């Protein structure tokens, strides 16, 4: 592991590792971890925007919203 702020490298030993770097995980590929299942289960598009929606969602806050 490399500390990007200091450039210092160190070794980590663990029983498990989480590669949370996306569908085309570089970590998974480097560790030769296979994938299984369908190639793609859906197409998604992320849109980031800022808006004052307090009056519309108060009491029903969310972090993910799917529009069909």
PDB file of N, CA and C in Angstrom:
ATOM      1  N   UNK A   1       0.858  -1.163   0.000  1.00  0.00           N
ATOM      2  CA  UNK A   1       0.000   0.000   0.000  1.00  0.00           C
ATOM      3  C   UNK A   1       0.900   1.221   0.000  1.00  0.00           C
ATOM      4  N   UNK A   2       0.514   2.229  -0.788  1.00  0.00           N
ATOM      5  CA  UNK A   2       1.282   3.472  -0.818  1.00  0.00           C
ATOM      6  C   UNK A   2       0.461   4.605  -0.241  1.00  0.00           C
ATOM      7  N   UNK A   3       1.033   5.310   0.718  1.00  0.00           N
ATOM      8  CA  UNK A   3       0.419   6.509   1.254  1.00  0.00           C
ATOM      9  C   UNK A   3       0.680   7.626   0.244  1.00  0.00           C
ATOM     10  N   UNK A   4      -0.347   8.060  -0.466  1.00  0.00           N
ATOM     11  CA  UNK A   4      -0.181   9.052  -1.531  1.00  0.00           C
ATOM     12  C   UNK A   4       0.298  10.398  -1.000  1.00  0.00           C
ATOM     13  N   UNK A   5       0.007  10.723   0.246  1.00  0.00           N
ATOM     14  CA  UNK A   5       0.423  12.002   0.813  1.00  0.00           C
ATOM     15  C   UNK A   5       1.922  12.031   1.121  1.00  0.00           C
ATOM     16  N   UNK A   6       2.459  10.871   1.585  1.00  0.00           N
ATOM     17  CA  UNK A   6       3.860  10.837   2.004  1.00  0.00           C
ATOM     18  C   UNK A   6       4.757  10.056   1.051  1.00  0.00           C
ATOM     19  N   UNK A   7       4.156   9.198   0.209  1.00  0.00           N
ATOM     20  CA  UNK A   7       4.946   8.360  -0.683  1.00  0.00           C
ATOM     21  C   UNK A   7       5.492   7.113  -0.013  1.00  0.00           C
ATOM     22  N   UNK A   8       5.203   6.929   1.271  1.00  0.00           N
ATOM     23  CA  UNK A   8       5.691   5.772   2.023  1.00  0.00           C
ATOM     24  C   UNK A   8       4.902   4.527   1.624  1.00  0.00           C
ATOM     25  N   UNK A   9       5.619   3.432   1.352  1.00  0.00           N
ATOM     26  CA  UNK A   9       4.990   2.150   1.025  1.00  0.00           C
ATOM     27  C   UNK A   9       5.056   1.233   2.235  1.00  0.00           C
ATOM     28  N   UNK A  10       4.026   0.455   2.457  1.00  0.00           N
ATOM     29  CA  UNK A  10       4.032  -0.537   3.523  1.00  0.00           C
ATOM     30  C   UNK A  10       3.196  -1.735   3.118  1.00  0.00           C
ATOM     31  N   UNK A  11       3.466  -2.860   3.755  1.00  0.00           N
ATOM     32  CA  UNK A  11       2.791  -4.113   3.427  1.00  0.00           C
ATOM     33  C   UNK A  11       1.635  -4.344   4.393  1.00  0.00           C
ATOM     34  N   UNK A  12       0.527  -4.837   3.846  1.00  0.00           N
ATOM     35  CA  UNK A  12      -0.649  -5.143   4.648  1.00  0.00           C
ATOM     36  C   UNK A  12      -0.988  -6.615   4.470  1.00  0.00           C
ATOM     37  N   UNK A  13      -1.216  -7.306   5.571  1.00  0.00           N
ATOM     38  CA  UNK A  13      -1.617  -8.709   5.538  1.00  0.00           C
ATOM     39  C   UNK A  13      -3.021  -8.798   6.133  1.00  0.00           C
ATOM     40  N   UNK A  14      -3.937  -9.424   5.370  1.00  0.00           N
ATOM     41  CA  UNK A  14      -5.321  -9.515   5.832  1.00  0.00           C
ATOM     42  C   UNK A  14      -5.954 -10.792   5.311  1.00  0.00           C
ATOM     43  N   UNK A  15      -6.958 -11.272   6.000  1.00  0.00           N
ATOM     44  CA  UNK A  15      -7.707 -12.450   5.549  1.00  0.00           C
ATOM     45  C   UNK A  15      -8.671 -12.086   4.418  1.00  0.00           C
ATOM     46  N   UNK A  16      -9.134 -10.844   4.391  1.00  0.00           N
ATOM     47  CA  UNK A  16     -10.101 -10.399   3.394  1.00  0.00           C
ATOM     48  C   UNK A  16      -9.693  -9.036   2.861  1.00  0.00           C
ATOM     49  N   UNK A  17     -10.158  -8.751   1.641  1.00  0.00           N
ATOM     50  CA  UNK A  17      -9.926  -7.448   1.034  1.00  0.00           C
ATOM     51  C   UNK A  17     -11.180  -7.031   0.288  1.00  0.00           C
ATOM     52  N   UNK A  18     -11.568  -5.780   0.433  1.00  0.00           N
ATOM     53  CA  UNK A  18     -12.707  -5.245  -0.297  1.00  0.00           C
ATOM     54  C   UNK A  18     -12.164  -4.371  -1.415  1.00  0.00           C
ATOM     55  N   UNK A  19     -12.485  -4.720  -2.637  1.00  0.00           N
ATOM     56  CA  UNK A  19     -12.066  -3.929  -3.799  1.00  0.00           C
ATOM     57  C   UNK A  19     -13.263  -3.130  -4.261  1.00  0.00           C
ATOM     58  N   UNK A  20     -13.455  -1.971  -3.664  1.00  0.00           N
ATOM     59  CA  UNK A  20     -14.621  -1.138  -3.966  1.00  0.00           C
ATOM     60  C   UNK A  20     -14.249  -0.060  -4.976  1.00  0.00           C
ATOM     61  N   UNK A  21     -13.644  -0.484  -6.079  1.00  0.00           N
ATOM     62  CA  UNK A  21     -13.201   0.485  -7.080  1.00  0.00           C
ATOM     63  C   UNK A  21     -13.956   0.331  -8.395  1.00  0.00           C
ATOM     64  N   UNK A  22     -15.188  -0.144  -8.326  1.00  0.00           N
ATOM     65  CA  UNK A  22     -16.051  -0.153  -9.501  1.00  0.00           C
ATOM     66  C   UNK A  22     -16.133  -1.462 -10.241  1.00  0.00           C
ATOM     67  N   UNK A  23     -16.962  -1.463 -11.268  1.00  0.00           N
ATOM     68  CA  UNK A  23     -17.250  -2.676 -12.033  1.00  0.00           C
ATOM     69  C   UNK A  23     -16.032  -3.196 -12.785  1.00  0.00           C
ATOM     70  N   UNK A  24     -15.161  -2.318 -13.232  1.00  0.00           N
ATOM     71  CA  UNK A  24     -13.941  -2.733 -13.933  1.00  0.00           C
ATOM     72  C   UNK A  24     -12.749  -2.636 -12.991  1.00  0.00           C
ATOM     73  N   UNK A  25     -12.888  -3.226 -11.818  1.00  0.00           N
ATOM     74  CA  UNK A  25     -11.934  -3.123 -10.724  1.00  0.00           C
ATOM     75  C   UNK A  25     -10.496  -3.468 -11.120  1.00  0.00           C
ATOM     76  N   UNK A  26      -9.608  -2.492 -11.016  1.00  0.00           N
ATOM     77  CA  UNK A  26      -8.185  -2.735 -11.246  1.00  0.00           C
ATOM     78  C   UNK A  26      -7.630  -3.686 -10.180  1.00  0.00           C
ATOM     79  N   UNK A  27      -8.077  -3.511  -8.933  1.00  0.00           N
ATOM     80  CA  UNK A  27      -7.626  -4.377  -7.844  1.00  0.00           C
ATOM     81  C   UNK A  27      -8.016  -5.824  -8.123  1.00  0.00           C
ATOM     82  N   UNK A  28      -9.268  -6.053  -8.522  1.00  0.00           N
ATOM     83  CA  UNK A  28      -9.733  -7.416  -8.817  1.00  0.00           C
ATOM     84  C   UNK A  28      -8.918  -8.020  -9.941  1.00  0.00           C
ATOM     85  N   UNK A  29      -8.666  -7.248 -10.992  1.00  0.00           N
ATOM     86  CA  UNK A  29      -7.899  -7.748 -12.129  1.00  0.00           C
ATOM     87  C   UNK A  29      -6.465  -8.080 -11.730  1.00  0.00           C
ATOM     88  N   UNK A  30      -5.828  -7.223 -10.919  1.00  0.00           N
ATOM     89  CA  UNK A  30      -4.453  -7.462 -10.491  1.00  0.00           C
ATOM     90  C   UNK A  30      -4.340  -8.706  -9.610  1.00  0.00           C
ATOM     91  N   UNK A  31      -5.397  -9.016  -8.858  1.00  0.00           N
ATOM     92  CA  UNK A  31      -5.404 -10.191  -7.986  1.00  0.00           C
ATOM     93  C   UNK A  31      -5.950 -11.427  -8.694  1.00  0.00           C
ATOM     94  N   UNK A  32      -6.298 -11.284  -9.992  1.00  0.00           N
ATOM     95  CA  UNK A  32      -6.845 -12.392 -10.789  1.00  0.00           C
ATOM     96  C   UNK A  32      -8.097 -12.999 -10.170  1.00  0.00           C
ATOM     97  N   UNK A  33      -8.972 -12.134  -9.652  1.00  0.00           N
ATOM     98  CA  UNK A  33     -10.230 -12.589  -9.070  1.00  0.00           C
ATOM     99  C   UNK A  33     -11.277 -12.585 -10.180  1.00  0.00           C
ATOM    100  N   UNK A  34     -11.877 -13.731 -10.496  1.00  0.00           N
ATOM    101  CA  UNK A  34     -12.839 -13.790 -11.593  1.00  0.00           C
ATOM    102  C   UNK A  34     -14.173 -13.138 -11.227  1.00  0.00           C
ATOM    103  N   UNK A  35     -14.914 -12.778 -12.243  1.00  0.00           N
ATOM    104  CA  UNK A  35     -16.276 -12.290 -12.041  1.00  0.00           C
ATOM    105  C   UNK A  35     -17.236 -13.388 -12.468  1.00  0.00           C
ATOM    106  N   UNK A  36     -18.456 -13.318 -12.004  1.00  0.00           N
ATOM    107  CA  UNK A  36     -19.455 -14.315 -12.388  1.00  0.00           C
ATOM    108  C   UNK A  36     -20.768 -13.614 -12.676  1.00  0.00           C
ATOM    109  N   UNK A  37     -21.666 -14.313 -13.319  1.00  0.00           N
ATOM    110  CA  UNK A  37     -22.980 -13.751 -13.627  1.00  0.00           C
ATOM    111  C   UNK A  37     -23.001 -13.102 -14.989  1.00  0.00           C
ATOM    112  N   UNK A  38     -24.052 -12.348 -15.251  1.00  0.00           N
ATOM    113  CA  UNK A  38     -24.206 -11.664 -16.529  1.00  0.00           C
ATOM    114  C   UNK A  38     -23.156 -10.571 -16.680  1.00  0.00           C
ATOM    115  N   UNK A  39     -22.813 -10.271 -17.932  1.00  0.00           N
ATOM    116  CA  UNK A  39     -21.859  -9.198 -18.176  1.00  0.00           C
ATOM    117  C   UNK A  39     -22.383  -7.854 -17.677  1.00  0.00           C
ATOM    118  N   UNK A  40     -23.642  -7.596 -17.930  1.00  0.00           N
ATOM    119  CA  UNK A  40     -24.227  -6.326 -17.512  1.00  0.00           C
ATOM    120  C   UNK A  40     -25.691  -6.572 -17.174  1.00  0.00           C
ATOM    121  N   UNK A  41     -26.108  -6.191 -15.992  1.00  0.00           N
ATOM    122  CA  UNK A  41     -27.499  -6.411 -15.615  1.00  0.00           C
ATOM    123  C   UNK A  41     -28.361  -5.203 -15.912  1.00  0.00           C
ATOM    124  N   UNK A  42     -27.745  -4.066 -16.120  1.00  0.00           N
ATOM    125  CA  UNK A  42     -28.517  -2.876 -16.458  1.00  0.00           C
ATOM    126  C   UNK A  42     -27.574  -1.765 -16.900  1.00  0.00           C
ATOM    127  N   UNK A  43     -28.108  -0.734 -17.475  1.00  0.00           N
ATOM    128  CA  UNK A  43     -27.343   0.457 -17.810  1.00  0.00           C
ATOM    129  C   UNK A  43     -27.747   1.560 -16.848  1.00  0.00           C
ATOM    130  N   UNK A  44     -26.762   2.224 -16.279  1.00  0.00           N
ATOM    131  CA  UNK A  44     -27.036   3.304 -15.336  1.00  0.00           C
ATOM    132  C   UNK A  44     -26.337   4.575 -15.789  1.00  0.00           C
ATOM    133  N   UNK A  45     -26.915   5.704 -15.457  1.00  0.00           N
ATOM    134  CA  UNK A  45     -26.324   7.002 -15.728  1.00  0.00           C
ATOM    135  C   UNK A  45     -26.375   7.794 -14.427  1.00  0.00           C
ATOM    136  N   UNK A  46     -25.241   8.257 -13.968  1.00  0.00           N
ATOM    137  CA  UNK A  46     -25.176   9.071 -12.755  1.00  0.00           C
ATOM    138  C   UNK A  46     -25.280  10.538 -13.129  1.00  0.00           C
ATOM    139  N   UNK A  47     -26.138  11.256 -12.435  1.00  0.00           N
ATOM    140  CA  UNK A  47     -26.293  12.691 -12.641  1.00  0.00           C
ATOM    141  C   UNK A  47     -26.176  13.368 -11.280  1.00  0.00           C
ATOM    142  N   UNK A  48     -25.241  14.299 -11.171  1.00  0.00           N
ATOM    143  CA  UNK A  48     -25.069  15.040  -9.928  1.00  0.00           C
ATOM    144  C   UNK A  48     -25.612  16.445 -10.114  1.00  0.00           C
ATOM    145  N   UNK A  49     -26.476  16.872  -9.212  1.00  0.00           N
ATOM    146  CA  UNK A  49     -26.982  18.237  -9.267  1.00  0.00           C
ATOM    147  C   UNK A  49     -27.313  18.698  -7.859  1.00  0.00           C
ATOM    148  N   UNK A  50     -27.404  19.987  -7.692  1.00  0.00           N
ATOM    149  CA  UNK A  50     -27.768  20.557  -6.404  1.00  0.00           C
ATOM    150  C   UNK A  50     -29.089  21.301  -6.560  1.00  0.00           C
ATOM    151  N   UNK A  51     -29.997  21.057  -5.622  1.00  0.00           N
ATOM    152  CA  UNK A  51     -31.287  21.750  -5.639  1.00  0.00           C
ATOM    153  C   UNK A  51     -31.877  21.705  -4.237  1.00  0.00           C
ATOM    154  N   UNK A  52     -32.602  22.713  -3.873  1.00  0.00           N
ATOM    155  CA  UNK A  52     -33.283  22.748  -2.583  1.00  0.00           C
ATOM    156  C   UNK A  52     -34.608  21.994  -2.717  1.00  0.00           C
ATOM    157  N   UNK A  53     -34.589  20.722  -2.315  1.00  0.00           N
ATOM    158  CA  UNK A  53     -35.783  19.875  -2.420  1.00  0.00           C
ATOM    159  C   UNK A  53     -36.409  19.597  -1.055  1.00  0.00           C
ATOM    160  N   UNK A  54     -36.022  20.372  -0.054  1.00  0.00           N
ATOM    161  CA  UNK A  54     -36.473  20.109   1.309  1.00  0.00           C
ATOM    162  C   UNK A  54     -37.989  19.988   1.424  1.00  0.00           C
ATOM    163  N   UNK A  55     -38.719  20.881   0.807  1.00  0.00           N
ATOM    164  CA  UNK A  55     -40.180  20.848   0.917  1.00  0.00           C
ATOM    165  C   UNK A  55     -40.771  19.606   0.248  1.00  0.00           C
ATOM    166  N   UNK A  56     -40.097  19.074  -0.774  1.00  0.00           N
ATOM    167  CA  UNK A  56     -40.621  17.913  -1.499  1.00  0.00           C
ATOM    168  C   UNK A  56     -40.284  16.585  -0.828  1.00  0.00           C
ATOM    169  N   UNK A  57     -39.149  16.518  -0.128  1.00  0.00           N
ATOM    170  CA  UNK A  57     -38.697  15.221   0.388  1.00  0.00           C
ATOM    171  C   UNK A  57     -38.593  15.171   1.914  1.00  0.00           C
ATOM    172  N   UNK A  58     -38.952  16.220   2.601  1.00  0.00           N
ATOM    173  CA  UNK A  58     -38.820  16.246   4.060  1.00  0.00           C
ATOM    174  C   UNK A  58     -39.494  15.031   4.691  1.00  0.00           C
ATOM    175  N   UNK A  59     -38.718  14.291   5.485  1.00  0.00           N
ATOM    176  CA  UNK A  59     -39.216  13.073   6.115  1.00  0.00           C
ATOM    177  C   UNK A  59     -39.078  11.842   5.227  1.00  0.00           C
ATOM    178  N   UNK A  60     -38.660  12.025   3.992  1.00  0.00           N
ATOM    179  CA  UNK A  60     -38.484  10.923   3.047  1.00  0.00           C
ATOM    180  C   UNK A  60     -37.132  11.060   2.325  1.00  0.00           C
ATOM    181  N   UNK A  61     -36.091  11.480   3.073  1.00  0.00           N
ATOM    182  CA  UNK A  61     -34.786  11.699   2.477  1.00  0.00           C
ATOM    183  C   UNK A  61     -34.248  10.403   1.871  1.00  0.00           C
ATOM    184  N   UNK A  62     -33.409  10.532   0.854  1.00  0.00           N
ATOM    185  CA  UNK A  62     -32.865   9.365   0.151  1.00  0.00           C
ATOM    186  C   UNK A  62     -31.459   9.679  -0.338  1.00  0.00           C
ATOM    187  N   UNK A  63     -30.720   8.648  -0.670  1.00  0.00           N
ATOM    188  CA  UNK A  63     -29.382   8.846  -1.224  1.00  0.00           C
ATOM    189  C   UNK A  63     -29.278   8.309  -2.645  1.00  0.00           C
ATOM    190  N   UNK A  64     -30.271   7.545  -3.082  1.00  0.00           N
ATOM    191  CA  UNK A  64     -30.264   6.977  -4.429  1.00  0.00           C
ATOM    192  C   UNK A  64     -31.683   6.988  -4.951  1.00  0.00           C
ATOM    193  N   UNK A  65     -31.836   7.386  -6.196  1.00  0.00           N
ATOM    194  CA  UNK A  65     -33.161   7.437  -6.789  1.00  0.00           C
ATOM    195  C   UNK A  65     -33.051   6.893  -8.210  1.00  0.00           C
ATOM    196  N   UNK A  66     -33.843   5.897  -8.538  1.00  0.00           N
ATOM    197  CA  UNK A  66     -33.854   5.324  -9.876  1.00  0.00           C
ATOM    198  C   UNK A  66     -35.058   5.828 -10.642  1.00  0.00           C
ATOM    199  N   UNK A  67     -34.816   6.324 -11.843  1.00  0.00           N
ATOM    200  CA  UNK A  67     -35.895   6.812 -12.694  1.00  0.00           C
ATOM    201  C   UNK A  67     -36.027   5.858 -13.871  1.00  0.00           C
ATOM    202  N   UNK A  68     -37.211   5.349 -14.104  1.00  0.00           N
ATOM    203  CA  UNK A  68     -37.452   4.430 -15.220  1.00  0.00           C
ATOM    204  C   UNK A  68     -38.142   5.157 -16.342  1.00  0.00           C
TER     205      UNK A  68
END
